[in-house]
Amino acid sequence: MGKVYDWFEERLEIQAIADDITSKYVPPHVATGFAMTFYYRPTVAEAFASVEYIMTEVNYGWLFRSMHRWSASMMVLMMILHVFRVYLTGGFKKPRELTWVTGVTLAVVTVSFGVTGYSLPWDQVGYWACKIVTGVPEAIPVVGSLLVELLRGSVSVGQATLTRFYSAHTFVLPVAAAVLMLTHFLMIRKQGISGPL
């Protein structure tokens, strides 16, 4: 096993990456989101009531949900500022094109977290936001209707849509974000940052 590890260590500097990752903290929205999954019920009949229960009955539930919402909003703001900084310092130029591509893809995943999470309370705002966002692809010629049905799980917004958004928000997007962050950080470690902070 030591030779396999040494082979990867020589090429990817695994120990340096592991040390770097373990020195970071877990973002608040990750921990609070995990905590809320114990109480949230992703059904159109119970979603709003479960969020209300979290906010009013669960010990410190109001704090967890508020921290989740505000830290996620701050993450989006920091991501926007980071993208501007990288763009203004030319971080997308050779040899860092792939780092830029993984970063932009990570930005899309981050915004997707916001879109899916916004609809999970299944209140009037969440429902209509979901209906509008999933209806946008309808404008794409030929495949628009297919994309809308794929996003919604049916022709109209309902239980299938909420299930898809919940699955995306709690499983698909976190896995995608973890893979993209690992790839992004690995590229940054190998190539360095593009300019002064």
N, C-alpha and C. Protein backbone atom coordinates (compact mmCIF):
# COMPACT_ATOMS: atom_id res chain seq x y z
N MET A 1 0.83 -1.20 0.00
CA MET A 1 0.00 0.00 0.00
C MET A 1 0.87 1.25 0.00
N GLY A 2 2.03 1.16 0.62
CA GLY A 2 2.92 2.31 0.69
C GLY A 2 3.40 2.77 -0.67
N LYS A 3 3.64 1.84 -1.59
CA LYS A 3 4.12 2.22 -2.92
C LYS A 3 3.04 2.94 -3.71
N VAL A 4 1.80 2.50 -3.56
CA VAL A 4 0.69 3.16 -4.25
C VAL A 4 0.54 4.59 -3.73
N TYR A 5 0.57 4.72 -2.40
CA TYR A 5 0.48 6.05 -1.80
C TYR A 5 1.62 6.94 -2.26
N ASP A 6 2.83 6.41 -2.23
CA ASP A 6 4.00 7.17 -2.66
C ASP A 6 3.88 7.63 -4.11
N TRP A 7 3.32 6.75 -4.95
CA TRP A 7 3.14 7.09 -6.37
C TRP A 7 2.21 8.30 -6.50
N PHE A 8 1.08 8.26 -5.80
CA PHE A 8 0.14 9.39 -5.85
C PHE A 8 0.72 10.63 -5.18
N GLU A 9 1.42 10.43 -4.07
CA GLU A 9 2.02 11.57 -3.35
C GLU A 9 3.03 12.31 -4.23
N GLU A 10 3.82 11.56 -4.98
CA GLU A 10 4.82 12.16 -5.86
C GLU A 10 4.16 13.03 -6.94
N ARG A 11 3.02 12.60 -7.42
CA ARG A 11 2.37 13.31 -8.52
C ARG A 11 1.39 14.40 -8.06
N LEU A 12 0.69 14.16 -6.97
CA LEU A 12 -0.39 15.06 -6.58
C LEU A 12 -0.18 15.77 -5.24
N GLU A 13 0.88 15.44 -4.53
CA GLU A 13 1.15 16.04 -3.22
C GLU A 13 -0.06 15.87 -2.30
N ILE A 14 -0.52 14.63 -2.15
CA ILE A 14 -1.72 14.31 -1.39
C ILE A 14 -1.63 14.79 0.05
N GLN A 15 -0.50 14.62 0.69
CA GLN A 15 -0.38 15.00 2.09
C GLN A 15 -0.55 16.52 2.27
N ALA A 16 0.01 17.29 1.37
CA ALA A 16 -0.14 18.74 1.44
C ALA A 16 -1.61 19.14 1.27
N ILE A 17 -2.30 18.46 0.35
CA ILE A 17 -3.72 18.74 0.13
C ILE A 17 -4.53 18.34 1.35
N ALA A 18 -4.24 17.15 1.90
CA ALA A 18 -4.96 16.68 3.09
C ALA A 18 -4.74 17.64 4.26
N ASP A 19 -3.51 18.11 4.46
CA ASP A 19 -3.22 19.07 5.52
C ASP A 19 -3.99 20.37 5.30
N ASP A 20 -4.05 20.79 4.05
CA ASP A 20 -4.76 22.02 3.72
C ASP A 20 -6.25 21.88 3.99
N ILE A 21 -6.84 20.77 3.59
CA ILE A 21 -8.27 20.54 3.78
C ILE A 21 -8.62 20.44 5.26
N THR A 22 -7.83 19.72 6.02
CA THR A 22 -8.14 19.54 7.44
C THR A 22 -7.91 20.80 8.26
N SER A 23 -7.20 21.78 7.70
CA SER A 23 -7.00 23.04 8.42
C SER A 23 -8.18 23.99 8.22
N LYS A 24 -9.11 23.64 7.33
CA LYS A 24 -10.27 24.50 7.06
C LYS A 24 -11.41 24.14 7.99
N TYR A 25 -12.33 25.10 8.16
CA TYR A 25 -13.49 24.84 9.00
C TYR A 25 -14.68 24.43 8.11
N VAL A 26 -15.65 23.80 8.72
CA VAL A 26 -16.87 23.42 8.00
C VAL A 26 -17.76 24.65 7.94
N PRO A 27 -18.15 25.08 6.74
CA PRO A 27 -19.01 26.26 6.63
C PRO A 27 -20.31 26.07 7.42
N PRO A 28 -20.79 27.14 8.05
CA PRO A 28 -22.00 27.02 8.88
C PRO A 28 -23.21 26.47 8.13
N HIS A 29 -23.35 26.81 6.86
CA HIS A 29 -24.54 26.34 6.14
C HIS A 29 -24.51 24.83 5.92
N VAL A 30 -23.33 24.23 5.94
CA VAL A 30 -23.24 22.77 5.81
C VAL A 30 -23.73 22.11 7.09
N ALA A 31 -23.21 22.55 8.22
CA ALA A 31 -23.59 21.96 9.51
C ALA A 31 -25.06 22.23 9.83
N THR A 32 -25.54 23.44 9.60
CA THR A 32 -26.93 23.75 9.91
C THR A 32 -27.88 23.04 8.96
N GLY A 33 -27.49 22.91 7.70
CA GLY A 33 -28.32 22.17 6.74
C GLY A 33 -28.46 20.72 7.13
N PHE A 34 -27.34 20.12 7.56
CA PHE A 34 -27.38 18.74 8.02
C PHE A 34 -28.31 18.60 9.21
N ALA A 35 -28.23 19.53 10.16
CA ALA A 35 -29.08 19.48 11.34
C ALA A 35 -30.56 19.58 10.97
N MET A 36 -30.88 20.43 10.01
CA MET A 36 -32.29 20.61 9.63
C MET A 36 -32.87 19.40 8.92
N THR A 37 -32.04 18.55 8.32
CA THR A 37 -32.58 17.37 7.63
C THR A 37 -33.25 16.40 8.60
N PHE A 38 -32.95 16.51 9.89
CA PHE A 38 -33.59 15.64 10.87
C PHE A 38 -35.06 16.00 11.09
N TYR A 39 -35.43 17.25 10.75
CA TYR A 39 -36.80 17.70 11.02
C TYR A 39 -37.60 18.05 9.76
N TYR A 40 -36.92 18.35 8.68
CA TYR A 40 -37.61 18.76 7.45
C TYR A 40 -38.28 17.56 6.78
N ARG A 41 -39.50 17.76 6.28
CA ARG A 41 -40.22 16.71 5.56
C ARG A 41 -40.50 17.20 4.14
N PRO A 42 -39.87 16.59 3.14
CA PRO A 42 -39.99 17.09 1.75
C PRO A 42 -41.25 16.61 1.02
N THR A 43 -42.40 16.95 1.57
CA THR A 43 -43.67 16.66 0.88
C THR A 43 -44.44 17.97 0.75
N VAL A 44 -45.22 18.10 -0.30
CA VAL A 44 -45.97 19.34 -0.50
C VAL A 44 -46.95 19.59 0.64
N ALA A 45 -47.42 18.52 1.28
CA ALA A 45 -48.37 18.67 2.38
C ALA A 45 -47.70 19.05 3.70
N GLU A 46 -46.42 18.67 3.87
CA GLU A 46 -45.77 18.86 5.17
C GLU A 46 -44.56 19.78 5.18
N ALA A 47 -44.06 20.19 4.04
CA ALA A 47 -42.82 20.98 3.99
C ALA A 47 -42.94 22.28 4.78
N PHE A 48 -43.98 23.05 4.51
CA PHE A 48 -44.12 24.33 5.20
C PHE A 48 -44.28 24.14 6.70
N ALA A 49 -45.10 23.17 7.08
CA ALA A 49 -45.32 22.90 8.51
C ALA A 49 -44.03 22.45 9.18
N SER A 50 -43.21 21.68 8.48
CA SER A 50 -41.95 21.21 9.09
C SER A 50 -40.97 22.37 9.27
N VAL A 51 -40.95 23.31 8.34
CA VAL A 51 -40.09 24.49 8.50
C VAL A 51 -40.60 25.35 9.65
N GLU A 52 -41.90 25.49 9.73
CA GLU A 52 -42.51 26.24 10.84
C GLU A 52 -42.17 25.57 12.17
N TYR A 53 -42.20 24.23 12.20
CA TYR A 53 -41.84 23.47 13.40
C TYR A 53 -40.38 23.72 13.78
N ILE A 54 -39.51 23.70 12.78
CA ILE A 54 -38.09 23.97 13.03
C ILE A 54 -37.92 25.36 13.65
N MET A 55 -38.64 26.33 13.11
CA MET A 55 -38.50 27.72 13.56
C MET A 55 -39.10 27.97 14.95
N THR A 56 -40.14 27.23 15.32
CA THR A 56 -40.85 27.55 16.57
C THR A 56 -40.71 26.52 17.68
N GLU A 57 -40.51 25.24 17.34
CA GLU A 57 -40.52 24.19 18.35
C GLU A 57 -39.16 23.57 18.64
N VAL A 58 -38.33 23.42 17.64
CA VAL A 58 -37.03 22.78 17.82
C VAL A 58 -36.11 23.72 18.61
N ASN A 59 -35.40 23.16 19.59
CA ASN A 59 -34.46 23.98 20.36
C ASN A 59 -33.44 24.61 19.43
N TYR A 60 -33.37 25.91 19.43
CA TYR A 60 -32.47 26.70 18.59
C TYR A 60 -32.69 26.48 17.10
N GLY A 61 -33.84 25.95 16.73
CA GLY A 61 -34.16 25.73 15.31
C GLY A 61 -34.17 27.03 14.54
N TRP A 62 -34.71 28.09 15.16
CA TRP A 62 -34.73 29.41 14.51
C TRP A 62 -33.31 29.87 14.22
N LEU A 63 -32.39 29.57 15.14
CA LEU A 63 -31.00 29.98 14.96
C LEU A 63 -30.34 29.18 13.83
N PHE A 64 -30.57 27.86 13.82
CA PHE A 64 -30.00 27.02 12.76
C PHE A 64 -30.49 27.44 11.38
N ARG A 65 -31.81 27.66 11.27
CA ARG A 65 -32.34 28.03 9.96
C ARG A 65 -31.84 29.42 9.54
N SER A 66 -31.79 30.34 10.47
CA SER A 66 -31.30 31.69 10.15
C SER A 66 -29.83 31.66 9.77
N MET A 67 -29.03 30.89 10.51
CA MET A 67 -27.61 30.76 10.16
C MET A 67 -27.44 30.12 8.79
N HIS A 68 -28.27 29.12 8.50
CA HIS A 68 -28.20 28.45 7.21
C HIS A 68 -28.50 29.43 6.09
N ARG A 69 -29.54 30.18 6.25
CA ARG A 69 -29.96 31.12 5.21
C ARG A 69 -28.94 32.25 5.02
N TRP A 70 -28.51 32.86 6.13
CA TRP A 70 -27.61 34.00 6.02
C TRP A 70 -26.20 33.59 5.59
N SER A 71 -25.71 32.45 6.09
CA SER A 71 -24.37 32.04 5.67
C SER A 71 -24.36 31.62 4.20
N ALA A 72 -25.45 31.03 3.73
CA ALA A 72 -25.54 30.69 2.30
C ALA A 72 -25.56 31.96 1.46
N SER A 73 -26.28 32.98 1.92
CA SER A 73 -26.30 34.25 1.20
C SER A 73 -24.92 34.89 1.17
N MET A 74 -24.20 34.81 2.29
CA MET A 74 -22.85 35.37 2.34
C MET A 74 -21.91 34.58 1.43
N MET A 75 -22.13 33.27 1.32
CA MET A 75 -21.31 32.46 0.43
C MET A 75 -21.48 32.92 -1.01
N VAL A 76 -22.71 33.19 -1.40
CA VAL A 76 -22.97 33.67 -2.77
C VAL A 76 -22.30 35.02 -2.98
N LEU A 77 -22.41 35.91 -2.02
CA LEU A 77 -21.77 37.23 -2.13
C LEU A 77 -20.24 37.09 -2.24
N MET A 78 -19.64 36.26 -1.39
CA MET A 78 -18.19 36.05 -1.45
C MET A 78 -17.77 35.43 -2.78
N MET A 79 -18.60 34.53 -3.30
CA MET A 79 -18.30 33.90 -4.59
C MET A 79 -18.29 34.96 -5.70
N ILE A 80 -19.27 35.85 -5.68
CA ILE A 80 -19.34 36.91 -6.69
C ILE A 80 -18.10 37.80 -6.60
N LEU A 81 -17.73 38.20 -5.39
CA LEU A 81 -16.53 39.02 -5.20
C LEU A 81 -15.28 38.29 -5.66
N HIS A 82 -15.20 36.99 -5.37
CA HIS A 82 -14.05 36.19 -5.80
C HIS A 82 -13.96 36.11 -7.32
N VAL A 83 -15.09 35.89 -7.99
CA VAL A 83 -15.10 35.83 -9.45
C VAL A 83 -14.62 37.15 -10.04
N PHE A 84 -15.09 38.27 -9.49
CA PHE A 84 -14.61 39.58 -9.97
C PHE A 84 -13.11 39.75 -9.77
N ARG A 85 -12.63 39.35 -8.58
CA ARG A 85 -11.20 39.49 -8.31
C ARG A 85 -10.37 38.65 -9.28
N VAL A 86 -10.79 37.43 -9.51
CA VAL A 86 -10.05 36.55 -10.42
C VAL A 86 -10.10 37.11 -11.84
N TYR A 87 -11.26 37.60 -12.24
CA TYR A 87 -11.40 38.17 -13.58
C TYR A 87 -10.51 39.40 -13.75
N LEU A 88 -10.54 40.29 -12.76
CA LEU A 88 -9.77 41.54 -12.86
C LEU A 88 -8.25 41.31 -12.82
N THR A 89 -7.82 40.22 -12.17
CA THR A 89 -6.38 39.93 -12.13
C THR A 89 -5.95 38.99 -13.25
N GLY A 90 -6.87 38.65 -14.15
CA GLY A 90 -6.53 37.81 -15.29
C GLY A 90 -6.33 36.34 -14.95
N GLY A 91 -7.00 35.86 -13.91
CA GLY A 91 -6.83 34.49 -13.47
C GLY A 91 -7.37 33.44 -14.43
N PHE A 92 -8.04 33.87 -15.48
CA PHE A 92 -8.61 32.93 -16.45
C PHE A 92 -7.66 32.68 -17.62
N LYS A 93 -6.54 33.39 -17.65
CA LYS A 93 -5.60 33.27 -18.77
C LYS A 93 -4.68 32.06 -18.62
N LYS A 94 -4.03 31.71 -19.71
CA LYS A 94 -3.09 30.60 -19.73
C LYS A 94 -2.08 30.75 -18.59
N PRO A 95 -1.79 29.74 -17.85
CA PRO A 95 -2.16 28.32 -17.95
C PRO A 95 -3.32 27.93 -17.04
N ARG A 96 -4.12 28.89 -16.58
CA ARG A 96 -5.14 28.62 -15.58
C ARG A 96 -6.56 28.53 -16.15
N GLU A 97 -6.69 28.21 -17.43
CA GLU A 97 -8.02 28.15 -18.04
C GLU A 97 -8.90 27.10 -17.38
N LEU A 98 -8.35 25.94 -17.07
CA LEU A 98 -9.15 24.88 -16.45
C LEU A 98 -9.53 25.24 -15.01
N THR A 99 -8.67 25.97 -14.33
CA THR A 99 -9.01 26.44 -12.99
C THR A 99 -10.21 27.38 -13.08
N TRP A 100 -10.22 28.25 -14.09
CA TRP A 100 -11.33 29.17 -14.32
C TRP A 100 -12.61 28.39 -14.63
N VAL A 101 -12.51 27.38 -15.48
CA VAL A 101 -13.68 26.58 -15.87
C VAL A 101 -14.26 25.88 -14.64
N THR A 102 -13.41 25.28 -13.81
CA THR A 102 -13.93 24.62 -12.61
C THR A 102 -14.54 25.64 -11.65
N GLY A 103 -13.96 26.83 -11.59
CA GLY A 103 -14.52 27.89 -10.74
C GLY A 103 -15.87 28.37 -11.21
N VAL A 104 -16.02 28.56 -12.51
CA VAL A 104 -17.31 29.00 -13.05
C VAL A 104 -18.35 27.89 -12.86
N THR A 105 -17.96 26.65 -13.06
CA THR A 105 -18.88 25.53 -12.84
C THR A 105 -19.28 25.46 -11.37
N LEU A 106 -18.34 25.72 -10.48
CA LEU A 106 -18.63 25.77 -9.05
C LEU A 106 -19.59 26.92 -8.74
N ALA A 107 -19.45 28.03 -9.43
CA ALA A 107 -20.37 29.16 -9.26
C ALA A 107 -21.79 28.77 -9.67
N VAL A 108 -21.93 28.03 -10.75
CA VAL A 108 -23.25 27.56 -11.20
C VAL A 108 -23.85 26.62 -10.15
N VAL A 109 -23.02 25.74 -9.60
CA VAL A 109 -23.49 24.83 -8.54
C VAL A 109 -23.94 25.62 -7.32
N THR A 110 -23.19 26.66 -6.96
CA THR A 110 -23.52 27.49 -5.81
C THR A 110 -24.86 28.18 -6.00
N VAL A 111 -25.08 28.74 -7.17
CA VAL A 111 -26.37 29.39 -7.46
C VAL A 111 -27.49 28.34 -7.47
N SER A 112 -27.20 27.14 -7.94
CA SER A 112 -28.19 26.07 -7.95
C SER A 112 -28.59 25.68 -6.52
N PHE A 113 -27.64 25.74 -5.59
CA PHE A 113 -27.98 25.53 -4.18
C PHE A 113 -29.03 26.54 -3.75
N GLY A 114 -28.81 27.80 -4.13
CA GLY A 114 -29.76 28.84 -3.75
C GLY A 114 -31.13 28.63 -4.35
N VAL A 115 -31.17 28.28 -5.62
CA VAL A 115 -32.45 28.06 -6.31
C VAL A 115 -33.21 26.90 -5.68
N THR A 116 -32.53 25.79 -5.44
CA THR A 116 -33.21 24.62 -4.88
C THR A 116 -33.60 24.86 -3.42
N GLY A 117 -32.74 25.49 -2.65
CA GLY A 117 -33.03 25.73 -1.24
C GLY A 117 -34.15 26.73 -1.03
N TYR A 118 -34.25 27.70 -1.91
CA TYR A 118 -35.28 28.74 -1.79
C TYR A 118 -36.68 28.15 -1.87
N SER A 119 -36.83 27.06 -2.62
CA SER A 119 -38.16 26.47 -2.81
C SER A 119 -38.52 25.44 -1.74
N LEU A 120 -37.58 24.99 -0.96
CA LEU A 120 -37.84 23.90 -0.02
C LEU A 120 -38.89 24.20 1.05
N PRO A 121 -39.04 25.44 1.54
CA PRO A 121 -40.12 25.68 2.50
C PRO A 121 -41.53 25.48 1.90
N TRP A 122 -41.61 25.50 0.60
CA TRP A 122 -42.85 25.29 -0.15
C TRP A 122 -43.96 26.23 0.33
N ASP A 123 -43.56 27.47 0.60
CA ASP A 123 -44.53 28.52 0.86
C ASP A 123 -44.88 29.17 -0.48
N GLN A 124 -45.65 30.25 -0.46
CA GLN A 124 -46.05 30.89 -1.72
C GLN A 124 -44.84 31.41 -2.50
N VAL A 125 -43.90 32.01 -1.79
CA VAL A 125 -42.71 32.54 -2.46
C VAL A 125 -41.90 31.40 -3.08
N GLY A 126 -41.67 30.34 -2.31
CA GLY A 126 -40.90 29.21 -2.81
C GLY A 126 -41.57 28.50 -3.97
N TYR A 127 -42.89 28.33 -3.87
CA TYR A 127 -43.63 27.65 -4.94
C TYR A 127 -43.55 28.43 -6.24
N TRP A 128 -43.83 29.73 -6.18
CA TRP A 128 -43.84 30.52 -7.41
C TRP A 128 -42.43 30.73 -7.96
N ALA A 129 -41.45 30.83 -7.09
CA ALA A 129 -40.06 30.91 -7.56
C ALA A 129 -39.69 29.64 -8.31
N CYS A 130 -40.11 28.51 -7.76
CA CYS A 130 -39.85 27.22 -8.39
C CYS A 130 -40.54 27.14 -9.75
N LYS A 131 -41.78 27.59 -9.80
CA LYS A 131 -42.54 27.54 -11.05
C LYS A 131 -41.88 28.42 -12.12
N ILE A 132 -41.44 29.60 -11.72
CA ILE A 132 -40.81 30.51 -12.68
C ILE A 132 -39.46 29.98 -13.15
N VAL A 133 -38.62 29.55 -12.21
CA VAL A 133 -37.27 29.08 -12.56
C VAL A 133 -37.34 27.84 -13.44
N THR A 134 -38.22 26.91 -13.10
CA THR A 134 -38.31 25.69 -13.91
C THR A 134 -39.00 25.94 -15.25
N GLY A 135 -39.68 27.07 -15.38
CA GLY A 135 -40.35 27.39 -16.64
C GLY A 135 -39.44 28.10 -17.63
N VAL A 136 -38.31 28.61 -17.18
CA VAL A 136 -37.40 29.35 -18.05
C VAL A 136 -36.93 28.54 -19.27
N PRO A 137 -36.56 27.28 -19.11
CA PRO A 137 -36.09 26.52 -20.28
C PRO A 137 -37.13 26.34 -21.38
N GLU A 138 -38.39 26.63 -21.09
CA GLU A 138 -39.45 26.51 -22.09
C GLU A 138 -39.15 27.34 -23.34
N ALA A 139 -38.38 28.41 -23.19
CA ALA A 139 -38.05 29.29 -24.31
C ALA A 139 -37.01 28.69 -25.26
N ILE A 140 -36.38 27.61 -24.88
CA ILE A 140 -35.38 26.96 -25.74
C ILE A 140 -36.10 26.16 -26.82
N PRO A 141 -35.79 26.45 -28.08
CA PRO A 141 -36.46 25.72 -29.16
C PRO A 141 -36.19 24.21 -29.09
N VAL A 142 -37.13 23.44 -29.51
CA VAL A 142 -37.08 21.99 -29.67
C VAL A 142 -37.05 21.24 -28.32
N VAL A 143 -36.04 21.50 -27.48
CA VAL A 143 -35.88 20.73 -26.25
C VAL A 143 -36.44 21.41 -25.00
N GLY A 144 -36.98 22.62 -25.14
CA GLY A 144 -37.45 23.38 -23.98
C GLY A 144 -38.47 22.65 -23.13
N SER A 145 -39.49 22.11 -23.75
CA SER A 145 -40.54 21.40 -23.01
C SER A 145 -39.99 20.18 -22.30
N LEU A 146 -39.07 19.49 -22.96
CA LEU A 146 -38.44 18.32 -22.35
C LEU A 146 -37.65 18.70 -21.10
N LEU A 147 -36.90 19.81 -21.18
CA LEU A 147 -36.12 20.27 -20.04
C LEU A 147 -37.01 20.66 -18.87
N VAL A 148 -38.13 21.32 -19.18
CA VAL A 148 -39.07 21.72 -18.13
C VAL A 148 -39.60 20.48 -17.42
N GLU A 149 -40.00 19.47 -18.17
CA GLU A 149 -40.50 18.23 -17.56
C GLU A 149 -39.41 17.52 -16.77
N LEU A 150 -38.19 17.58 -17.25
CA LEU A 150 -37.07 16.97 -16.53
C LEU A 150 -36.85 17.66 -15.18
N LEU A 151 -36.88 18.98 -15.18
CA LEU A 151 -36.71 19.74 -13.93
C LEU A 151 -37.86 19.54 -12.96
N ARG A 152 -39.07 19.56 -13.48
CA ARG A 152 -40.26 19.48 -12.63
C ARG A 152 -40.64 18.04 -12.26
N GLY A 153 -40.27 17.10 -13.07
CA GLY A 153 -40.69 15.74 -12.83
C GLY A 153 -42.05 15.44 -13.41
N SER A 154 -42.71 16.45 -13.94
CA SER A 154 -44.00 16.31 -14.62
C SER A 154 -44.26 17.61 -15.36
N VAL A 155 -45.45 17.73 -15.90
CA VAL A 155 -45.78 18.94 -16.66
C VAL A 155 -45.93 20.14 -15.73
N SER A 156 -46.47 19.91 -14.54
CA SER A 156 -46.68 21.02 -13.60
C SER A 156 -45.80 20.85 -12.37
N VAL A 157 -45.70 21.92 -11.60
CA VAL A 157 -44.92 21.91 -10.36
C VAL A 157 -45.72 21.19 -9.29
N GLY A 158 -45.08 20.26 -8.58
CA GLY A 158 -45.77 19.51 -7.53
C GLY A 158 -44.80 18.69 -6.71
N GLN A 159 -45.30 17.56 -6.21
CA GLN A 159 -44.49 16.70 -5.34
C GLN A 159 -43.20 16.23 -6.01
N ALA A 160 -43.30 15.86 -7.27
CA ALA A 160 -42.09 15.39 -7.98
C ALA A 160 -41.04 16.50 -8.04
N THR A 161 -41.47 17.73 -8.22
CA THR A 161 -40.54 18.87 -8.28
C THR A 161 -39.86 19.08 -6.93
N LEU A 162 -40.66 19.07 -5.87
CA LEU A 162 -40.10 19.25 -4.53
C LEU A 162 -39.11 18.14 -4.19
N THR A 163 -39.44 16.91 -4.56
CA THR A 163 -38.53 15.78 -4.31
C THR A 163 -37.23 15.97 -5.07
N ARG A 164 -37.32 16.39 -6.33
CA ARG A 164 -36.11 16.62 -7.13
C ARG A 164 -35.26 17.74 -6.54
N PHE A 165 -35.89 18.83 -6.14
CA PHE A 165 -35.16 19.95 -5.56
C PHE A 165 -34.50 19.54 -4.24
N TYR A 166 -35.23 18.78 -3.41
CA TYR A 166 -34.65 18.33 -2.14
C TYR A 166 -33.46 17.40 -2.37
N SER A 167 -33.62 16.46 -3.29
CA SER A 167 -32.52 15.53 -3.61
C SER A 167 -31.31 16.28 -4.16
N ALA A 168 -31.58 17.23 -5.04
CA ALA A 168 -30.49 18.03 -5.60
C ALA A 168 -29.79 18.83 -4.51
N HIS A 169 -30.58 19.46 -3.63
CA HIS A 169 -30.04 20.34 -2.60
C HIS A 169 -29.25 19.59 -1.54
N THR A 170 -29.68 18.37 -1.21
CA THR A 170 -29.04 17.65 -0.10
C THR A 170 -28.07 16.56 -0.53
N PHE A 171 -28.10 16.16 -1.81
CA PHE A 171 -27.20 15.08 -2.23
C PHE A 171 -26.41 15.41 -3.49
N VAL A 172 -27.09 15.69 -4.58
CA VAL A 172 -26.42 15.87 -5.87
C VAL A 172 -25.49 17.08 -5.85
N LEU A 173 -26.00 18.23 -5.44
CA LEU A 173 -25.18 19.44 -5.44
C LEU A 173 -24.03 19.39 -4.43
N PRO A 174 -24.22 18.87 -3.21
CA PRO A 174 -23.07 18.75 -2.31
C PRO A 174 -21.95 17.87 -2.85
N VAL A 175 -22.32 16.75 -3.49
CA VAL A 175 -21.29 15.88 -4.07
C VAL A 175 -20.58 16.61 -5.22
N ALA A 176 -21.37 17.27 -6.09
CA ALA A 176 -20.77 18.01 -7.20
C ALA A 176 -19.86 19.12 -6.68
N ALA A 177 -20.31 19.83 -5.65
CA ALA A 177 -19.50 20.92 -5.08
C ALA A 177 -18.21 20.39 -4.48
N ALA A 178 -18.29 19.27 -3.78
CA ALA A 178 -17.08 18.70 -3.16
C ALA A 178 -16.07 18.28 -4.22
N VAL A 179 -16.54 17.62 -5.27
CA VAL A 179 -15.64 17.19 -6.35
C VAL A 179 -15.02 18.41 -7.04
N LEU A 180 -15.85 19.40 -7.34
CA LEU A 180 -15.36 20.60 -8.02
C LEU A 180 -14.39 21.39 -7.15
N MET A 181 -14.68 21.50 -5.85
CA MET A 181 -13.77 22.22 -4.96
C MET A 181 -12.43 21.51 -4.85
N LEU A 182 -12.48 20.20 -4.71
CA LEU A 182 -11.23 19.44 -4.65
C LEU A 182 -10.41 19.64 -5.92
N THR A 183 -11.07 19.55 -7.08
CA THR A 183 -10.38 19.76 -8.36
C THR A 183 -9.84 21.18 -8.45
N HIS A 184 -10.66 22.15 -8.09
CA HIS A 184 -10.29 23.57 -8.15
C HIS A 184 -9.08 23.85 -7.25
N PHE A 185 -9.12 23.36 -6.02
CA PHE A 185 -8.03 23.60 -5.08
C PHE A 185 -6.76 22.87 -5.49
N LEU A 186 -6.91 21.68 -6.06
CA LEU A 186 -5.75 20.94 -6.56
C LEU A 186 -5.05 21.73 -7.66
N MET A 187 -5.83 22.30 -8.58
CA MET A 187 -5.25 23.11 -9.66
C MET A 187 -4.58 24.37 -9.12
N ILE A 188 -5.22 25.00 -8.13
CA ILE A 188 -4.62 26.21 -7.54
C ILE A 188 -3.31 25.85 -6.84
N ARG A 189 -3.30 24.71 -6.15
CA ARG A 189 -2.08 24.29 -5.46
C ARG A 189 -0.95 24.05 -6.44
N LYS A 190 -1.26 23.47 -7.60
CA LYS A 190 -0.23 23.18 -8.60
C LYS A 190 0.23 24.43 -9.35
N GLN A 191 -0.71 25.35 -9.66
CA GLN A 191 -0.38 26.50 -10.50
C GLN A 191 -0.24 27.81 -9.74
N GLY A 192 -0.69 27.86 -8.52
CA GLY A 192 -0.64 29.09 -7.76
C GLY A 192 -1.75 30.04 -8.17
N ILE A 193 -1.87 31.15 -7.44
CA ILE A 193 -2.87 32.14 -7.80
C ILE A 193 -2.31 33.07 -8.86
N SER A 194 -3.20 33.77 -9.56
CA SER A 194 -2.79 34.53 -10.73
C SER A 194 -2.13 35.87 -10.42
N GLY A 195 -2.43 36.45 -9.29
CA GLY A 195 -1.87 37.77 -9.03
C GLY A 195 -2.00 38.11 -7.56
N PRO A 196 -1.57 39.30 -7.21
CA PRO A 196 -1.63 39.71 -5.80
C PRO A 196 -3.06 39.87 -5.32
N LEU A 197 -3.29 39.56 -4.04
CA LEU A 197 -4.62 39.75 -3.47
C LEU A 197 -4.77 41.16 -3.12
